[in-house]
Amino acid sequence: MFDIGFSELMLIGIVALIVIGPERLPKVARTLGHLLGRAQRYVNDVKSDISREVQLDELKKLQSQVTDSARELESSVRAEYESARSAIEVPAQEAVADLQSTTAQLSETLSAAETKGKPVA
């Protein structure tokens, strides 16, 4: 972040010793260290919050993709079910109609045979 070498740090230390004085320099250095630590923790907290938000956005996108895929799958399954149902239902209804007409014809034949007095074998 900052490109400060050892010689620059020594110069800053000597100027601080002259300006602040030898009695207060350790206290100022400690306070400066605490403030720097707090700043680093704050920056790390902000970075982790941003990282969590990015991950949450990615998870929301993934959830919407999965939901869309599930809806598409459900609609395709429903369409296949309806096509299979219609393919089976129409011939089944025709077979039922044929059976009913055959039953009606047999009933008419039986009733006609009974009115004539012929035994039906």
PDB file of N, CA and C in Angstrom:
ATOM      1  N   MET A   1       0.829  -1.170   0.000  1.00  0.00           N
ATOM      2  CA  MET A   1       0.000   0.000   0.000  1.00  0.00           C
ATOM      3  C   MET A   1       0.886   1.250   0.000  1.00  0.00           C
ATOM      4  N   PHE A   2       1.652   1.419   1.026  1.00  0.00           N
ATOM      5  CA  PHE A   2       2.619   2.517   1.078  1.00  0.00           C
ATOM      6  C   PHE A   2       3.991   1.927   0.808  1.00  0.00           C
ATOM      7  N   ASP A   3       4.782   2.640   0.060  1.00  0.00           N
ATOM      8  CA  ASP A   3       6.125   2.157  -0.241  1.00  0.00           C
ATOM      9  C   ASP A   3       7.104   2.930   0.647  1.00  0.00           C
ATOM     10  N   ILE A   4       7.216   2.480   1.891  1.00  0.00           N
ATOM     11  CA  ILE A   4       8.098   3.144   2.851  1.00  0.00           C
ATOM     12  C   ILE A   4       9.215   2.175   3.204  1.00  0.00           C
ATOM     13  N   GLY A   5      10.423   2.617   3.012  1.00  0.00           N
ATOM     14  CA  GLY A   5      11.575   1.780   3.324  1.00  0.00           C
ATOM     15  C   GLY A   5      12.041   1.994   4.763  1.00  0.00           C
ATOM     16  N   PHE A   6      13.100   1.255   5.126  1.00  0.00           N
ATOM     17  CA  PHE A   6      13.616   1.340   6.488  1.00  0.00           C
ATOM     18  C   PHE A   6      14.200   2.726   6.773  1.00  0.00           C
ATOM     19  N   SER A   7      14.869   3.325   5.795  1.00  0.00           N
ATOM     20  CA  SER A   7      15.466   4.649   6.010  1.00  0.00           C
ATOM     21  C   SER A   7      14.390   5.708   6.266  1.00  0.00           C
ATOM     22  N   GLU A   8      13.240   5.605   5.564  1.00  0.00           N
ATOM     23  CA  GLU A   8      12.152   6.553   5.817  1.00  0.00           C
ATOM     24  C   GLU A   8      11.576   6.362   7.211  1.00  0.00           C
ATOM     25  N   LEU A   9      11.459   5.114   7.638  1.00  0.00           N
ATOM     26  CA  LEU A   9      10.949   4.854   8.984  1.00  0.00           C
ATOM     27  C   LEU A   9      11.887   5.425  10.050  1.00  0.00           C
ATOM     28  N   MET A  10      13.186   5.279   9.834  1.00  0.00           N
ATOM     29  CA  MET A  10      14.162   5.849  10.792  1.00  0.00           C
ATOM     30  C   MET A  10      14.030   7.368  10.848  1.00  0.00           C
ATOM     31  N   LEU A  11      13.877   8.008   9.717  1.00  0.00           N
ATOM     32  CA  LEU A  11      13.716   9.456   9.666  1.00  0.00           C
ATOM     33  C   LEU A  11      12.455   9.903  10.401  1.00  0.00           C
ATOM     34  N   ILE A  12      11.344   9.167  10.178  1.00  0.00           N
ATOM     35  CA  ILE A  12      10.098   9.490  10.882  1.00  0.00           C
ATOM     36  C   ILE A  12      10.279   9.303  12.383  1.00  0.00           C
ATOM     37  N   GLY A  13      10.953   8.242  12.803  1.00  0.00           N
ATOM     38  CA  GLY A  13      11.195   7.994  14.226  1.00  0.00           C
ATOM     39  C   GLY A  13      12.032   9.099  14.853  1.00  0.00           C
ATOM     40  N   ILE A  14      13.083   9.566  14.173  1.00  0.00           N
ATOM     41  CA  ILE A  14      13.944  10.629  14.717  1.00  0.00           C
ATOM     42  C   ILE A  14      13.160  11.937  14.825  1.00  0.00           C
ATOM     43  N   VAL A  15      12.370  12.262  13.809  1.00  0.00           N
ATOM     44  CA  VAL A  15      11.556  13.485  13.865  1.00  0.00           C
ATOM     45  C   VAL A  15      10.537  13.382  14.976  1.00  0.00           C
ATOM     46  N   ALA A  16       9.899  12.227  15.153  1.00  0.00           N
ATOM     47  CA  ALA A  16       8.925  12.053  16.226  1.00  0.00           C
ATOM     48  C   ALA A  16       9.590  12.176  17.577  1.00  0.00           C
ATOM     49  N   LEU A  17      10.790  11.644  17.738  1.00  0.00           N
ATOM     50  CA  LEU A  17      11.513  11.748  19.005  1.00  0.00           C
ATOM     51  C   LEU A  17      11.827  13.204  19.326  1.00  0.00           C
ATOM     52  N   ILE A  18      12.204  13.948  18.329  1.00  0.00           N
ATOM     53  CA  ILE A  18      12.530  15.369  18.548  1.00  0.00           C
ATOM     54  C   ILE A  18      11.260  16.165  18.828  1.00  0.00           C
ATOM     55  N   VAL A  19      10.189  15.951  18.063  1.00  0.00           N
ATOM     56  CA  VAL A  19       8.966  16.759  18.215  1.00  0.00           C
ATOM     57  C   VAL A  19       8.195  16.366  19.466  1.00  0.00           C
ATOM     58  N   ILE A  20       7.989  15.097  19.685  1.00  0.00           N
ATOM     59  CA  ILE A  20       7.152  14.638  20.801  1.00  0.00           C
ATOM     60  C   ILE A  20       7.952  14.599  22.102  1.00  0.00           C
ATOM     61  N   GLY A  21       9.134  14.203  22.041  1.00  0.00           N
ATOM     62  CA  GLY A  21       9.969  14.104  23.234  1.00  0.00           C
ATOM     63  C   GLY A  21      10.080  12.666  23.693  1.00  0.00           C
ATOM     64  N   PRO A  22      11.170  12.373  24.438  1.00  0.00           N
ATOM     65  CA  PRO A  22      11.410  10.986  24.855  1.00  0.00           C
ATOM     66  C   PRO A  22      10.433  10.488  25.915  1.00  0.00           C
ATOM     67  N   GLU A  23       9.800  11.389  26.699  1.00  0.00           N
ATOM     68  CA  GLU A  23       8.886  10.919  27.754  1.00  0.00           C
ATOM     69  C   GLU A  23       7.551  10.446  27.168  1.00  0.00           C
ATOM     70  N   ARG A  24       7.044  11.166  26.165  1.00  0.00           N
ATOM     71  CA  ARG A  24       5.714  10.846  25.634  1.00  0.00           C
ATOM     72  C   ARG A  24       5.765   9.940  24.398  1.00  0.00           C
ATOM     73  N   LEU A  25       6.894   9.713  23.843  1.00  0.00           N
ATOM     74  CA  LEU A  25       7.017   8.914  22.626  1.00  0.00           C
ATOM     75  C   LEU A  25       6.489   7.474  22.799  1.00  0.00           C
ATOM     76  N   PRO A  26       6.808   6.753  23.884  1.00  0.00           N
ATOM     77  CA  PRO A  26       6.272   5.384  24.020  1.00  0.00           C
ATOM     78  C   PRO A  26       4.743   5.361  24.095  1.00  0.00           C
ATOM     79  N   LYS A  27       4.171   6.334  24.815  1.00  0.00           N
ATOM     80  CA  LYS A  27       2.708   6.384  24.932  1.00  0.00           C
ATOM     81  C   LYS A  27       2.064   6.687  23.578  1.00  0.00           C
ATOM     82  N   VAL A  28       2.642   7.620  22.829  1.00  0.00           N
ATOM     83  CA  VAL A  28       2.125   7.954  21.503  1.00  0.00           C
ATOM     84  C   VAL A  28       2.271   6.753  20.560  1.00  0.00           C
ATOM     85  N   ALA A  29       3.385   6.048  20.629  1.00  0.00           N
ATOM     86  CA  ALA A  29       3.604   4.874  19.776  1.00  0.00           C
ATOM     87  C   ALA A  29       2.582   3.784  20.098  1.00  0.00           C
ATOM     88  N   ARG A  30       2.306   3.568  21.403  1.00  0.00           N
ATOM     89  CA  ARG A  30       1.310   2.577  21.808  1.00  0.00           C
ATOM     90  C   ARG A  30      -0.078   2.957  21.292  1.00  0.00           C
ATOM     91  N   THR A  31      -0.434   4.224  21.470  1.00  0.00           N
ATOM     92  CA  THR A  31      -1.735   4.700  21.001  1.00  0.00           C
ATOM     93  C   THR A  31      -1.838   4.568  19.486  1.00  0.00           C
ATOM     94  N   LEU A  32      -0.784   4.941  18.798  1.00  0.00           N
ATOM     95  CA  LEU A  32      -0.762   4.806  17.339  1.00  0.00           C
ATOM     96  C   LEU A  32      -0.896   3.337  16.921  1.00  0.00           C
ATOM     97  N   GLY A  33      -0.257   2.436  17.652  1.00  0.00           N
ATOM     98  CA  GLY A  33      -0.367   0.993  17.368  1.00  0.00           C
ATOM     99  C   GLY A  33      -1.791   0.495  17.573  1.00  0.00           C
ATOM    100  N   HIS A  34      -2.448   0.939  18.666  1.00  0.00           N
ATOM    101  CA  HIS A  34      -3.842   0.547  18.909  1.00  0.00           C
ATOM    102  C   HIS A  34      -4.761   1.070  17.805  1.00  0.00           C
ATOM    103  N   LEU A  35      -4.557   2.318  17.405  1.00  0.00           N
ATOM    104  CA  LEU A  35      -5.380   2.893  16.342  1.00  0.00           C
ATOM    105  C   LEU A  35      -5.164   2.165  15.017  1.00  0.00           C
ATOM    106  N   LEU A  36      -3.914   1.842  14.726  1.00  0.00           N
ATOM    107  CA  LEU A  36      -3.634   1.080  13.506  1.00  0.00           C
ATOM    108  C   LEU A  36      -4.287  -0.300  13.544  1.00  0.00           C
ATOM    109  N   GLY A  37      -4.244  -0.942  14.721  1.00  0.00           N
ATOM    110  CA  GLY A  37      -4.884  -2.260  14.876  1.00  0.00           C
ATOM    111  C   GLY A  37      -6.388  -2.172  14.670  1.00  0.00           C
ATOM    112  N   ARG A  38      -7.001  -1.134  15.251  1.00  0.00           N
ATOM    113  CA  ARG A  38      -8.442  -0.947  15.062  1.00  0.00           C
ATOM    114  C   ARG A  38      -8.779  -0.711  13.595  1.00  0.00           C
ATOM    115  N   ALA A  39      -7.963   0.105  12.939  1.00  0.00           N
ATOM    116  CA  ALA A  39      -8.199   0.389  11.518  1.00  0.00           C
ATOM    117  C   ALA A  39      -8.085  -0.890  10.690  1.00  0.00           C
ATOM    118  N   GLN A  40      -7.099  -1.727  10.993  1.00  0.00           N
ATOM    119  CA  GLN A  40      -6.941  -2.978  10.254  1.00  0.00           C
ATOM    120  C   GLN A  40      -8.127  -3.912  10.500  1.00  0.00           C
ATOM    121  N   ARG A  41      -8.583  -3.990  11.766  1.00  0.00           N
ATOM    122  CA  ARG A  41      -9.750  -4.829  12.060  1.00  0.00           C
ATOM    123  C   ARG A  41     -10.991  -4.313  11.333  1.00  0.00           C
ATOM    124  N   TYR A  42     -11.157  -2.985  11.307  1.00  0.00           N
ATOM    125  CA  TYR A  42     -12.297  -2.392  10.614  1.00  0.00           C
ATOM    126  C   TYR A  42     -12.244  -2.724   9.119  1.00  0.00           C
ATOM    127  N   VAL A  43     -11.077  -2.587   8.523  1.00  0.00           N
ATOM    128  CA  VAL A  43     -10.921  -2.898   7.100  1.00  0.00           C
ATOM    129  C   VAL A  43     -11.205  -4.379   6.850  1.00  0.00           C
ATOM    130  N   ASN A  44     -10.716  -5.248   7.736  1.00  0.00           N
ATOM    131  CA  ASN A  44     -10.975  -6.684   7.578  1.00  0.00           C
ATOM    132  C   ASN A  44     -12.466  -6.989   7.735  1.00  0.00           C
ATOM    133  N   ASP A  45     -13.143  -6.323   8.684  1.00  0.00           N
ATOM    134  CA  ASP A  45     -14.582  -6.523   8.855  1.00  0.00           C
ATOM    135  C   ASP A  45     -15.338  -6.084   7.607  1.00  0.00           C
ATOM    136  N   VAL A  46     -14.960  -4.949   7.049  1.00  0.00           N
ATOM    137  CA  VAL A  46     -15.626  -4.469   5.833  1.00  0.00           C
ATOM    138  C   VAL A  46     -15.384  -5.439   4.681  1.00  0.00           C
ATOM    139  N   LYS A  47     -14.147  -5.941   4.562  1.00  0.00           N
ATOM    140  CA  LYS A  47     -13.847  -6.911   3.505  1.00  0.00           C
ATOM    141  C   LYS A  47     -14.688  -8.179   3.665  1.00  0.00           C
ATOM    142  N   SER A  48     -14.797  -8.672   4.896  1.00  0.00           N
ATOM    143  CA  SER A  48     -15.575  -9.899   5.113  1.00  0.00           C
ATOM    144  C   SER A  48     -17.061  -9.649   4.869  1.00  0.00           C
ATOM    145  N   ASP A  49     -17.567  -8.463   5.232  1.00  0.00           N
ATOM    146  CA  ASP A  49     -18.970  -8.144   4.947  1.00  0.00           C
ATOM    147  C   ASP A  49     -19.229  -8.105   3.448  1.00  0.00           C
ATOM    148  N   ILE A  50     -18.331  -7.493   2.726  1.00  0.00           N
ATOM    149  CA  ILE A  50     -18.482  -7.430   1.272  1.00  0.00           C
ATOM    150  C   ILE A  50     -18.409  -8.833   0.676  1.00  0.00           C
ATOM    151  N   SER A  51     -17.494  -9.640   1.183  1.00  0.00           N
ATOM    152  CA  SER A  51     -17.366 -11.015   0.691  1.00  0.00           C
ATOM    153  C   SER A  51     -18.653 -11.801   0.961  1.00  0.00           C
ATOM    154  N   ARG A  52     -19.240 -11.638   2.154  1.00  0.00           N
ATOM    155  CA  ARG A  52     -20.493 -12.325   2.473  1.00  0.00           C
ATOM    156  C   ARG A  52     -21.621 -11.863   1.565  1.00  0.00           C
ATOM    157  N   GLU A  53     -21.683 -10.574   1.289  1.00  0.00           N
ATOM    158  CA  GLU A  53     -22.721 -10.049   0.406  1.00  0.00           C
ATOM    159  C   GLU A  53     -22.575 -10.619  -1.003  1.00  0.00           C
ATOM    160  N   VAL A  54     -21.342 -10.708  -1.479  1.00  0.00           N
ATOM    161  CA  VAL A  54     -21.104 -11.276  -2.814  1.00  0.00           C
ATOM    162  C   VAL A  54     -21.531 -12.740  -2.836  1.00  0.00           C
ATOM    163  N   GLN A  55     -21.173 -13.484  -1.797  1.00  0.00           N
ATOM    164  CA  GLN A  55     -21.559 -14.889  -1.733  1.00  0.00           C
ATOM    165  C   GLN A  55     -23.073 -15.032  -1.644  1.00  0.00           C
ATOM    166  N   LEU A  56     -23.725 -14.143  -0.884  1.00  0.00           N
ATOM    167  CA  LEU A  56     -25.178 -14.181  -0.771  1.00  0.00           C
ATOM    168  C   LEU A  56     -25.837 -13.901  -2.113  1.00  0.00           C
ATOM    169  N   ASP A  57     -25.305 -12.937  -2.850  1.00  0.00           N
ATOM    170  CA  ASP A  57     -25.834 -12.655  -4.185  1.00  0.00           C
ATOM    171  C   ASP A  57     -25.661 -13.855  -5.107  1.00  0.00           C
ATOM    172  N   GLU A  58     -24.501 -14.496  -5.037  1.00  0.00           N
ATOM    173  CA  GLU A  58     -24.270 -15.685  -5.866  1.00  0.00           C
ATOM    174  C   GLU A  58     -25.235 -16.805  -5.496  1.00  0.00           C
ATOM    175  N   LEU A  59     -25.489 -16.978  -4.194  1.00  0.00           N
ATOM    176  CA  LEU A  59     -26.422 -18.011  -3.758  1.00  0.00           C
ATOM    177  C   LEU A  59     -27.846 -17.694  -4.218  1.00  0.00           C
ATOM    178  N   LYS A  60     -28.211 -16.414  -4.174  1.00  0.00           N
ATOM    179  CA  LYS A  60     -29.547 -16.035  -4.649  1.00  0.00           C
ATOM    180  C   LYS A  60     -29.685 -16.315  -6.139  1.00  0.00           C
ATOM    181  N   LYS A  61     -28.638 -16.004  -6.905  1.00  0.00           N
ATOM    182  CA  LYS A  61     -28.669 -16.291  -8.340  1.00  0.00           C
ATOM    183  C   LYS A  61     -28.789 -17.792  -8.579  1.00  0.00           C
ATOM    184  N   LEU A  62     -28.017 -18.568  -7.835  1.00  0.00           N
ATOM    185  CA  LEU A  62     -28.066 -20.022  -7.970  1.00  0.00           C
ATOM    186  C   LEU A  62     -29.449 -20.549  -7.607  1.00  0.00           C
ATOM    187  N   GLN A  63     -30.031 -20.001  -6.537  1.00  0.00           N
ATOM    188  CA  GLN A  63     -31.363 -20.431  -6.127  1.00  0.00           C
ATOM    189  C   GLN A  63     -32.389 -20.126  -7.217  1.00  0.00           C
ATOM    190  N   SER A  64     -32.300 -18.948  -7.819  1.00  0.00           N
ATOM    191  CA  SER A  64     -33.253 -18.610  -8.880  1.00  0.00           C
ATOM    192  C   SER A  64     -33.057 -19.524 -10.089  1.00  0.00           C
ATOM    193  N   GLN A  65     -31.809 -19.863 -10.410  1.00  0.00           N
ATOM    194  CA  GLN A  65     -31.556 -20.776 -11.525  1.00  0.00           C
ATOM    195  C   GLN A  65     -32.136 -22.157 -11.249  1.00  0.00           C
ATOM    196  N   VAL A  66     -31.952 -22.634 -10.020  1.00  0.00           N
ATOM    197  CA  VAL A  66     -32.481 -23.957  -9.655  1.00  0.00           C
ATOM    198  C   VAL A  66     -34.007 -23.931  -9.681  1.00  0.00           C
ATOM    199  N   THR A  67     -34.602 -22.852  -9.200  1.00  0.00           N
ATOM    200  CA  THR A  67     -36.060 -22.733  -9.205  1.00  0.00           C
ATOM    201  C   THR A  67     -36.591 -22.712 -10.630  1.00  0.00           C
ATOM    202  N   ASP A  68     -35.936 -21.962 -11.503  1.00  0.00           N
ATOM    203  CA  ASP A  68     -36.351 -21.919 -12.911  1.00  0.00           C
ATOM    204  C   ASP A  68     -36.224 -23.295 -13.554  1.00  0.00           C
ATOM    205  N   SER A  69     -35.134 -23.987 -13.274  1.00  0.00           N
ATOM    206  CA  SER A  69     -34.944 -25.330 -13.834  1.00  0.00           C
ATOM    207  C   SER A  69     -36.023 -26.289 -13.331  1.00  0.00           C
ATOM    208  N   ALA A  70     -36.366 -26.164 -12.048  1.00  0.00           N
ATOM    209  CA  ALA A  70     -37.409 -27.029 -11.487  1.00  0.00           C
ATOM    210  C   ALA A  70     -38.756 -26.738 -12.139  1.00  0.00           C
ATOM    211  N   ARG A  71     -39.051 -25.475 -12.382  1.00  0.00           N
ATOM    212  CA  ARG A  71     -40.315 -25.129 -13.051  1.00  0.00           C
ATOM    213  C   ARG A  71     -40.350 -25.673 -14.473  1.00  0.00           C
ATOM    214  N   GLU A  72     -39.236 -25.540 -15.188  1.00  0.00           N
ATOM    215  CA  GLU A  72     -39.175 -26.067 -16.549  1.00  0.00           C
ATOM    216  C   GLU A  72     -39.349 -27.580 -16.562  1.00  0.00           C
ATOM    217  N   LEU A  73     -38.704 -28.257 -15.615  1.00  0.00           N
ATOM    218  CA  LEU A  73     -38.839 -29.707 -15.523  1.00  0.00           C
ATOM    219  C   LEU A  73     -40.278 -30.091 -15.211  1.00  0.00           C
ATOM    220  N   GLU A  74     -40.896 -29.363 -14.288  1.00  0.00           N
ATOM    221  CA  GLU A  74     -42.280 -29.661 -13.926  1.00  0.00           C
ATOM    222  C   GLU A  74     -43.211 -29.465 -15.120  1.00  0.00           C
ATOM    223  N   SER A  75     -43.023 -28.383 -15.865  1.00  0.00           N
ATOM    224  CA  SER A  75     -43.885 -28.142 -17.019  1.00  0.00           C
ATOM    225  C   SER A  75     -43.678 -29.208 -18.097  1.00  0.00           C
ATOM    226  N   SER A  76     -42.432 -29.631 -18.314  1.00  0.00           N
ATOM    227  CA  SER A  76     -42.193 -30.675 -19.320  1.00  0.00           C
ATOM    228  C   SER A  76     -42.779 -32.014 -18.876  1.00  0.00           C
ATOM    229  N   VAL A  77     -42.690 -32.308 -17.575  1.00  0.00           N
ATOM    230  CA  VAL A  77     -43.281 -33.556 -17.073  1.00  0.00           C
ATOM    231  C   VAL A  77     -44.799 -33.509 -17.212  1.00  0.00           C
ATOM    232  N   ARG A  78     -45.388 -32.348 -16.896  1.00  0.00           N
ATOM    233  CA  ARG A  78     -46.848 -32.215 -17.049  1.00  0.00           C
ATOM    234  C   ARG A  78     -47.265 -32.386 -18.511  1.00  0.00           C
ATOM    235  N   ALA A  79     -46.500 -31.796 -19.424  1.00  0.00           N
ATOM    236  CA  ALA A  79     -46.825 -31.913 -20.842  1.00  0.00           C
ATOM    237  C   ALA A  79     -46.732 -33.372 -21.293  1.00  0.00           C
ATOM    238  N   GLU A  80     -45.688 -34.073 -20.880  1.00  0.00           N
ATOM    239  CA  GLU A  80     -45.543 -35.488 -21.235  1.00  0.00           C
ATOM    240  C   GLU A  80     -46.671 -36.321 -20.641  1.00  0.00           C
ATOM    241  N   TYR A  81     -47.053 -36.007 -19.395  1.00  0.00           N
ATOM    242  CA  TYR A  81     -48.144 -36.726 -18.738  1.00  0.00           C
ATOM    243  C   TYR A  81     -49.450 -36.520 -19.500  1.00  0.00           C
ATOM    244  N   GLU A  82     -49.720 -35.280 -19.888  1.00  0.00           N
ATOM    245  CA  GLU A  82     -50.957 -34.992 -20.609  1.00  0.00           C
ATOM    246  C   GLU A  82     -50.964 -35.669 -21.977  1.00  0.00           C
ATOM    247  N   SER A  83     -49.827 -35.665 -22.674  1.00  0.00           N
ATOM    248  CA  SER A  83     -49.784 -36.323 -23.984  1.00  0.00           C
ATOM    249  C   SER A  83     -49.958 -37.838 -23.842  1.00  0.00           C
ATOM    250  N   ALA A  84     -49.327 -38.418 -22.823  1.00  0.00           N
ATOM    251  CA  ALA A  84     -49.488 -39.865 -22.599  1.00  0.00           C
ATOM    252  C   ALA A  84     -50.919 -40.181 -22.191  1.00  0.00           C
ATOM    253  N   ARG A  85     -51.497 -39.330 -21.386  1.00  0.00           N
ATOM    254  CA  ARG A  85     -52.876 -39.543 -20.934  1.00  0.00           C
ATOM    255  C   ARG A  85     -53.838 -39.490 -22.118  1.00  0.00           C
ATOM    256  N   SER A  86     -53.652 -38.485 -22.994  1.00  0.00           N
ATOM    257  CA  SER A  86     -54.538 -38.387 -24.155  1.00  0.00           C
ATOM    258  C   SER A  86     -54.318 -39.559 -25.111  1.00  0.00           C
ATOM    259  N   ALA A  87     -53.079 -40.011 -25.221  1.00  0.00           N
ATOM    260  CA  ALA A  87     -52.796 -41.139 -26.108  1.00  0.00           C
ATOM    261  C   ALA A  87     -53.431 -42.423 -25.597  1.00  0.00           C
ATOM    262  N   ILE A  88     -53.580 -42.541 -24.300  1.00  0.00           N
ATOM    263  CA  ILE A  88     -54.171 -43.749 -23.718  1.00  0.00           C
ATOM    264  C   ILE A  88     -55.684 -43.588 -23.556  1.00  0.00           C
ATOM    265  N   GLU A  89     -56.131 -42.399 -23.234  1.00  0.00           N
ATOM    266  CA  GLU A  89     -57.540 -42.178 -22.900  1.00  0.00           C
ATOM    267  C   GLU A  89     -58.458 -42.347 -24.115  1.00  0.00           C
ATOM    268  N   VAL A  90     -58.063 -41.837 -25.260  1.00  0.00           N
ATOM    269  CA  VAL A  90     -58.911 -41.924 -26.461  1.00  0.00           C
ATOM    270  C   VAL A  90     -59.147 -43.378 -26.865  1.00  0.00           C
ATOM    271  N   PRO A  91     -58.120 -44.221 -26.999  1.00  0.00           N
ATOM    272  CA  PRO A  91     -58.389 -45.629 -27.338  1.00  0.00           C
ATOM    273  C   PRO A  91     -59.183 -46.354 -26.247  1.00  0.00           C
ATOM    274  N   ALA A  92     -58.951 -45.985 -24.988  1.00  0.00           N
ATOM    275  CA  ALA A  92     -59.696 -46.630 -23.910  1.00  0.00           C
ATOM    276  C   ALA A  92     -61.183 -46.266 -24.008  1.00  0.00           C
ATOM    277  N   GLN A  93     -61.489 -45.015 -24.302  1.00  0.00           N
ATOM    278  CA  GLN A  93     -62.880 -44.604 -24.441  1.00  0.00           C
ATOM    279  C   GLN A  93     -63.537 -45.296 -25.643  1.00  0.00           C
ATOM    280  N   GLU A  94     -62.793 -45.442 -26.718  1.00  0.00           N
ATOM    281  CA  GLU A  94     -63.312 -46.148 -27.889  1.00  0.00           C
ATOM    282  C   GLU A  94     -63.591 -47.610 -27.558  1.00  0.00           C
ATOM    283  N   ALA A  95     -62.685 -48.221 -26.778  1.00  0.00           N
ATOM    284  CA  ALA A  95     -62.886 -49.621 -26.392  1.00  0.00           C
ATOM    285  C   ALA A  95     -64.112 -49.756 -25.497  1.00  0.00           C
ATOM    286  N   VAL A  96     -64.305 -48.814 -24.575  1.00  0.00           N
ATOM    287  CA  VAL A  96     -65.483 -48.851 -23.706  1.00  0.00           C
ATOM    288  C   VAL A  96     -66.751 -48.688 -24.533  1.00  0.00           C
ATOM    289  N   ALA A  97     -66.721 -47.772 -25.503  1.00  0.00           N
ATOM    290  CA  ALA A  97     -67.891 -47.575 -26.361  1.00  0.00           C
ATOM    291  C   ALA A  97     -68.185 -48.838 -27.168  1.00  0.00           C
ATOM    292  N   ASP A  98     -67.135 -49.484 -27.688  1.00  0.00           N
ATOM    293  CA  ASP A  98     -67.330 -50.740 -28.446  1.00  0.00           C
ATOM    294  C   ASP A  98     -67.919 -51.824 -27.545  1.00  0.00           C
ATOM    295  N   LEU A  99     -67.389 -51.930 -26.314  1.00  0.00           N
ATOM    296  CA  LEU A  99     -67.922 -52.927 -25.373  1.00  0.00           C
ATOM    297  C   LEU A  99     -69.381 -52.642 -25.049  1.00  0.00           C
ATOM    298  N   GLN A 100     -69.735 -51.386 -24.867  1.00  0.00           N
ATOM    299  CA  GLN A 100     -71.125 -51.050 -24.553  1.00  0.00           C
ATOM    300  C   GLN A 100     -72.043 -51.362 -25.733  1.00  0.00           C
ATOM    301  N   SER A 101     -71.585 -51.048 -26.938  1.00  0.00           N
ATOM    302  CA  SER A 101     -72.429 -51.362 -28.106  1.00  0.00           C
ATOM    303  C   SER A 101     -72.559 -52.868 -28.275  1.00  0.00           C
ATOM    304  N   THR A 102     -71.485 -53.602 -28.036  1.00  0.00           N
ATOM    305  CA  THR A 102     -71.533 -55.063 -28.136  1.00  0.00           C
ATOM    306  C   THR A 102     -72.452 -55.627 -27.066  1.00  0.00           C
ATOM    307  N   THR A 103     -72.382 -55.083 -25.873  1.00  0.00           N
ATOM    308  CA  THR A 103     -73.252 -55.537 -24.784  1.00  0.00           C
ATOM    309  C   THR A 103     -74.706 -55.246 -25.115  1.00  0.00           C
ATOM    310  N   ALA A 104     -74.950 -54.072 -25.680  1.00  0.00           N
ATOM    311  CA  ALA A 104     -76.324 -53.722 -26.061  1.00  0.00           C
ATOM    312  C   ALA A 104     -76.831 -54.668 -27.148  1.00  0.00           C
ATOM    313  N   GLN A 105     -75.987 -54.981 -28.130  1.00  0.00           N
ATOM    314  CA  GLN A 105     -76.386 -55.898 -29.199  1.00  0.00           C
ATOM    315  C   GLN A 105     -76.660 -57.288 -28.641  1.00  0.00           C
ATOM    316  N   LEU A 106     -75.786 -57.723 -27.711  1.00  0.00           N
ATOM    317  CA  LEU A 106     -76.004 -59.047 -27.109  1.00  0.00           C
ATOM    318  C   LEU A 106     -77.290 -59.061 -26.299  1.00  0.00           C
ATOM    319  N   SER A 107     -77.574 -57.990 -25.609  1.00  0.00           N
ATOM    320  CA  SER A 107     -78.808 -57.920 -24.828  1.00  0.00           C
ATOM    321  C   SER A 107     -80.021 -57.970 -25.737  1.00  0.00           C
ATOM    322  N   GLU A 108     -79.946 -57.248 -26.850  1.00  0.00           N
ATOM    323  CA  GLU A 108     -81.060 -57.271 -27.807  1.00  0.00           C
ATOM    324  C   GLU A 108     -81.236 -58.659 -28.392  1.00  0.00           C
ATOM    325  N   THR A 109     -80.108 -59.304 -28.696  1.00  0.00           N
ATOM    326  CA  THR A 109     -80.167 -60.651 -29.259  1.00  0.00           C
ATOM    327  C   THR A 109     -80.768 -61.629 -28.256  1.00  0.00           C
ATOM    328  N   LEU A 110     -80.351 -61.495 -26.982  1.00  0.00           N
ATOM    329  CA  LEU A 110     -80.883 -62.385 -25.942  1.00  0.00           C
ATOM    330  C   LEU A 110     -82.373 -62.138 -25.722  1.00  0.00           C
ATOM    331  N   SER A 111     -82.736 -60.892 -25.676  1.00  0.00           N
ATOM    332  CA  SER A 111     -84.155 -60.607 -25.431  1.00  0.00           C
ATOM    333  C   SER A 111     -85.008 -61.047 -26.620  1.00  0.00           C
ATOM    334  N   ALA A 112     -84.501 -60.905 -27.850  1.00  0.00           N
ATOM    335  CA  ALA A 112     -85.228 -61.359 -29.034  1.00  0.00           C
ATOM    336  C   ALA A 112     -85.341 -62.879 -29.027  1.00  0.00           C
ATOM    337  N   ALA A 113     -84.289 -63.559 -28.612  1.00  0.00           N
ATOM    338  CA  ALA A 113     -84.304 -65.011 -28.579  1.00  0.00           C
ATOM    339  C   ALA A 113     -85.272 -65.508 -27.511  1.00  0.00           C
ATOM    340  N   GLU A 114     -85.345 -64.810 -26.387  1.00  0.00           N
ATOM    341  CA  GLU A 114     -86.250 -65.238 -25.319  1.00  0.00           C
ATOM    342  C   GLU A 114     -87.703 -64.998 -25.706  1.00  0.00           C
ATOM    343  N   THR A 115     -87.963 -63.936 -26.434  1.00  0.00           N
ATOM    344  CA  THR A 115     -89.357 -63.685 -26.860  1.00  0.00           C
ATOM    345  C   THR A 115     -89.794 -64.705 -27.894  1.00  0.00           C
ATOM    346  N   LYS A 116     -88.925 -65.246 -28.666  1.00  0.00           N
ATOM    347  CA  LYS A 116     -89.274 -66.265 -29.654  1.00  0.00           C
ATOM    348  C   LYS A 116     -89.344 -67.627 -29.020  1.00  0.00           C
ATOM    349  N   GLY A 117     -88.839 -67.751 -27.824  1.00  0.00           N
ATOM    350  CA  GLY A 117     -88.893 -69.021 -27.126  1.00  0.00           C
ATOM    351  C   GLY A 117     -87.760 -69.950 -27.451  1.00  0.00           C
ATOM    352  N   LYS A 118     -86.768 -69.488 -28.074  1.00  0.00           N
ATOM    353  CA  LYS A 118     -85.610 -70.309 -28.409  1.00  0.00           C
ATOM    354  C   LYS A 118     -84.638 -70.267 -27.252  1.00  0.00           C
ATOM    355  N   PRO A 119     -84.146 -71.406 -26.885  1.00  0.00           N
ATOM    356  CA  PRO A 119     -83.096 -71.402 -25.858  1.00  0.00           C
ATOM    357  C   PRO A 119     -81.767 -70.893 -26.436  1.00  0.00           C
ATOM    358  N   VAL A 120     -81.130 -70.139 -25.647  1.00  0.00           N
ATOM    359  CA  VAL A 120     -79.859 -69.600 -26.071  1.00  0.00           C
ATOM    360  C   VAL A 120     -78.747 -70.448 -25.487  1.00  0.00           C
ATOM    361  N   ALA A 121     -77.883 -70.918 -26.342  1.00  0.00           N
ATOM    362  CA  ALA A 121     -76.811 -71.802 -25.894  1.00  0.00           C
ATOM    363  C   ALA A 121     -75.607 -71.039 -25.475  1.00  0.00           C
TER     364      ALA A 121
END
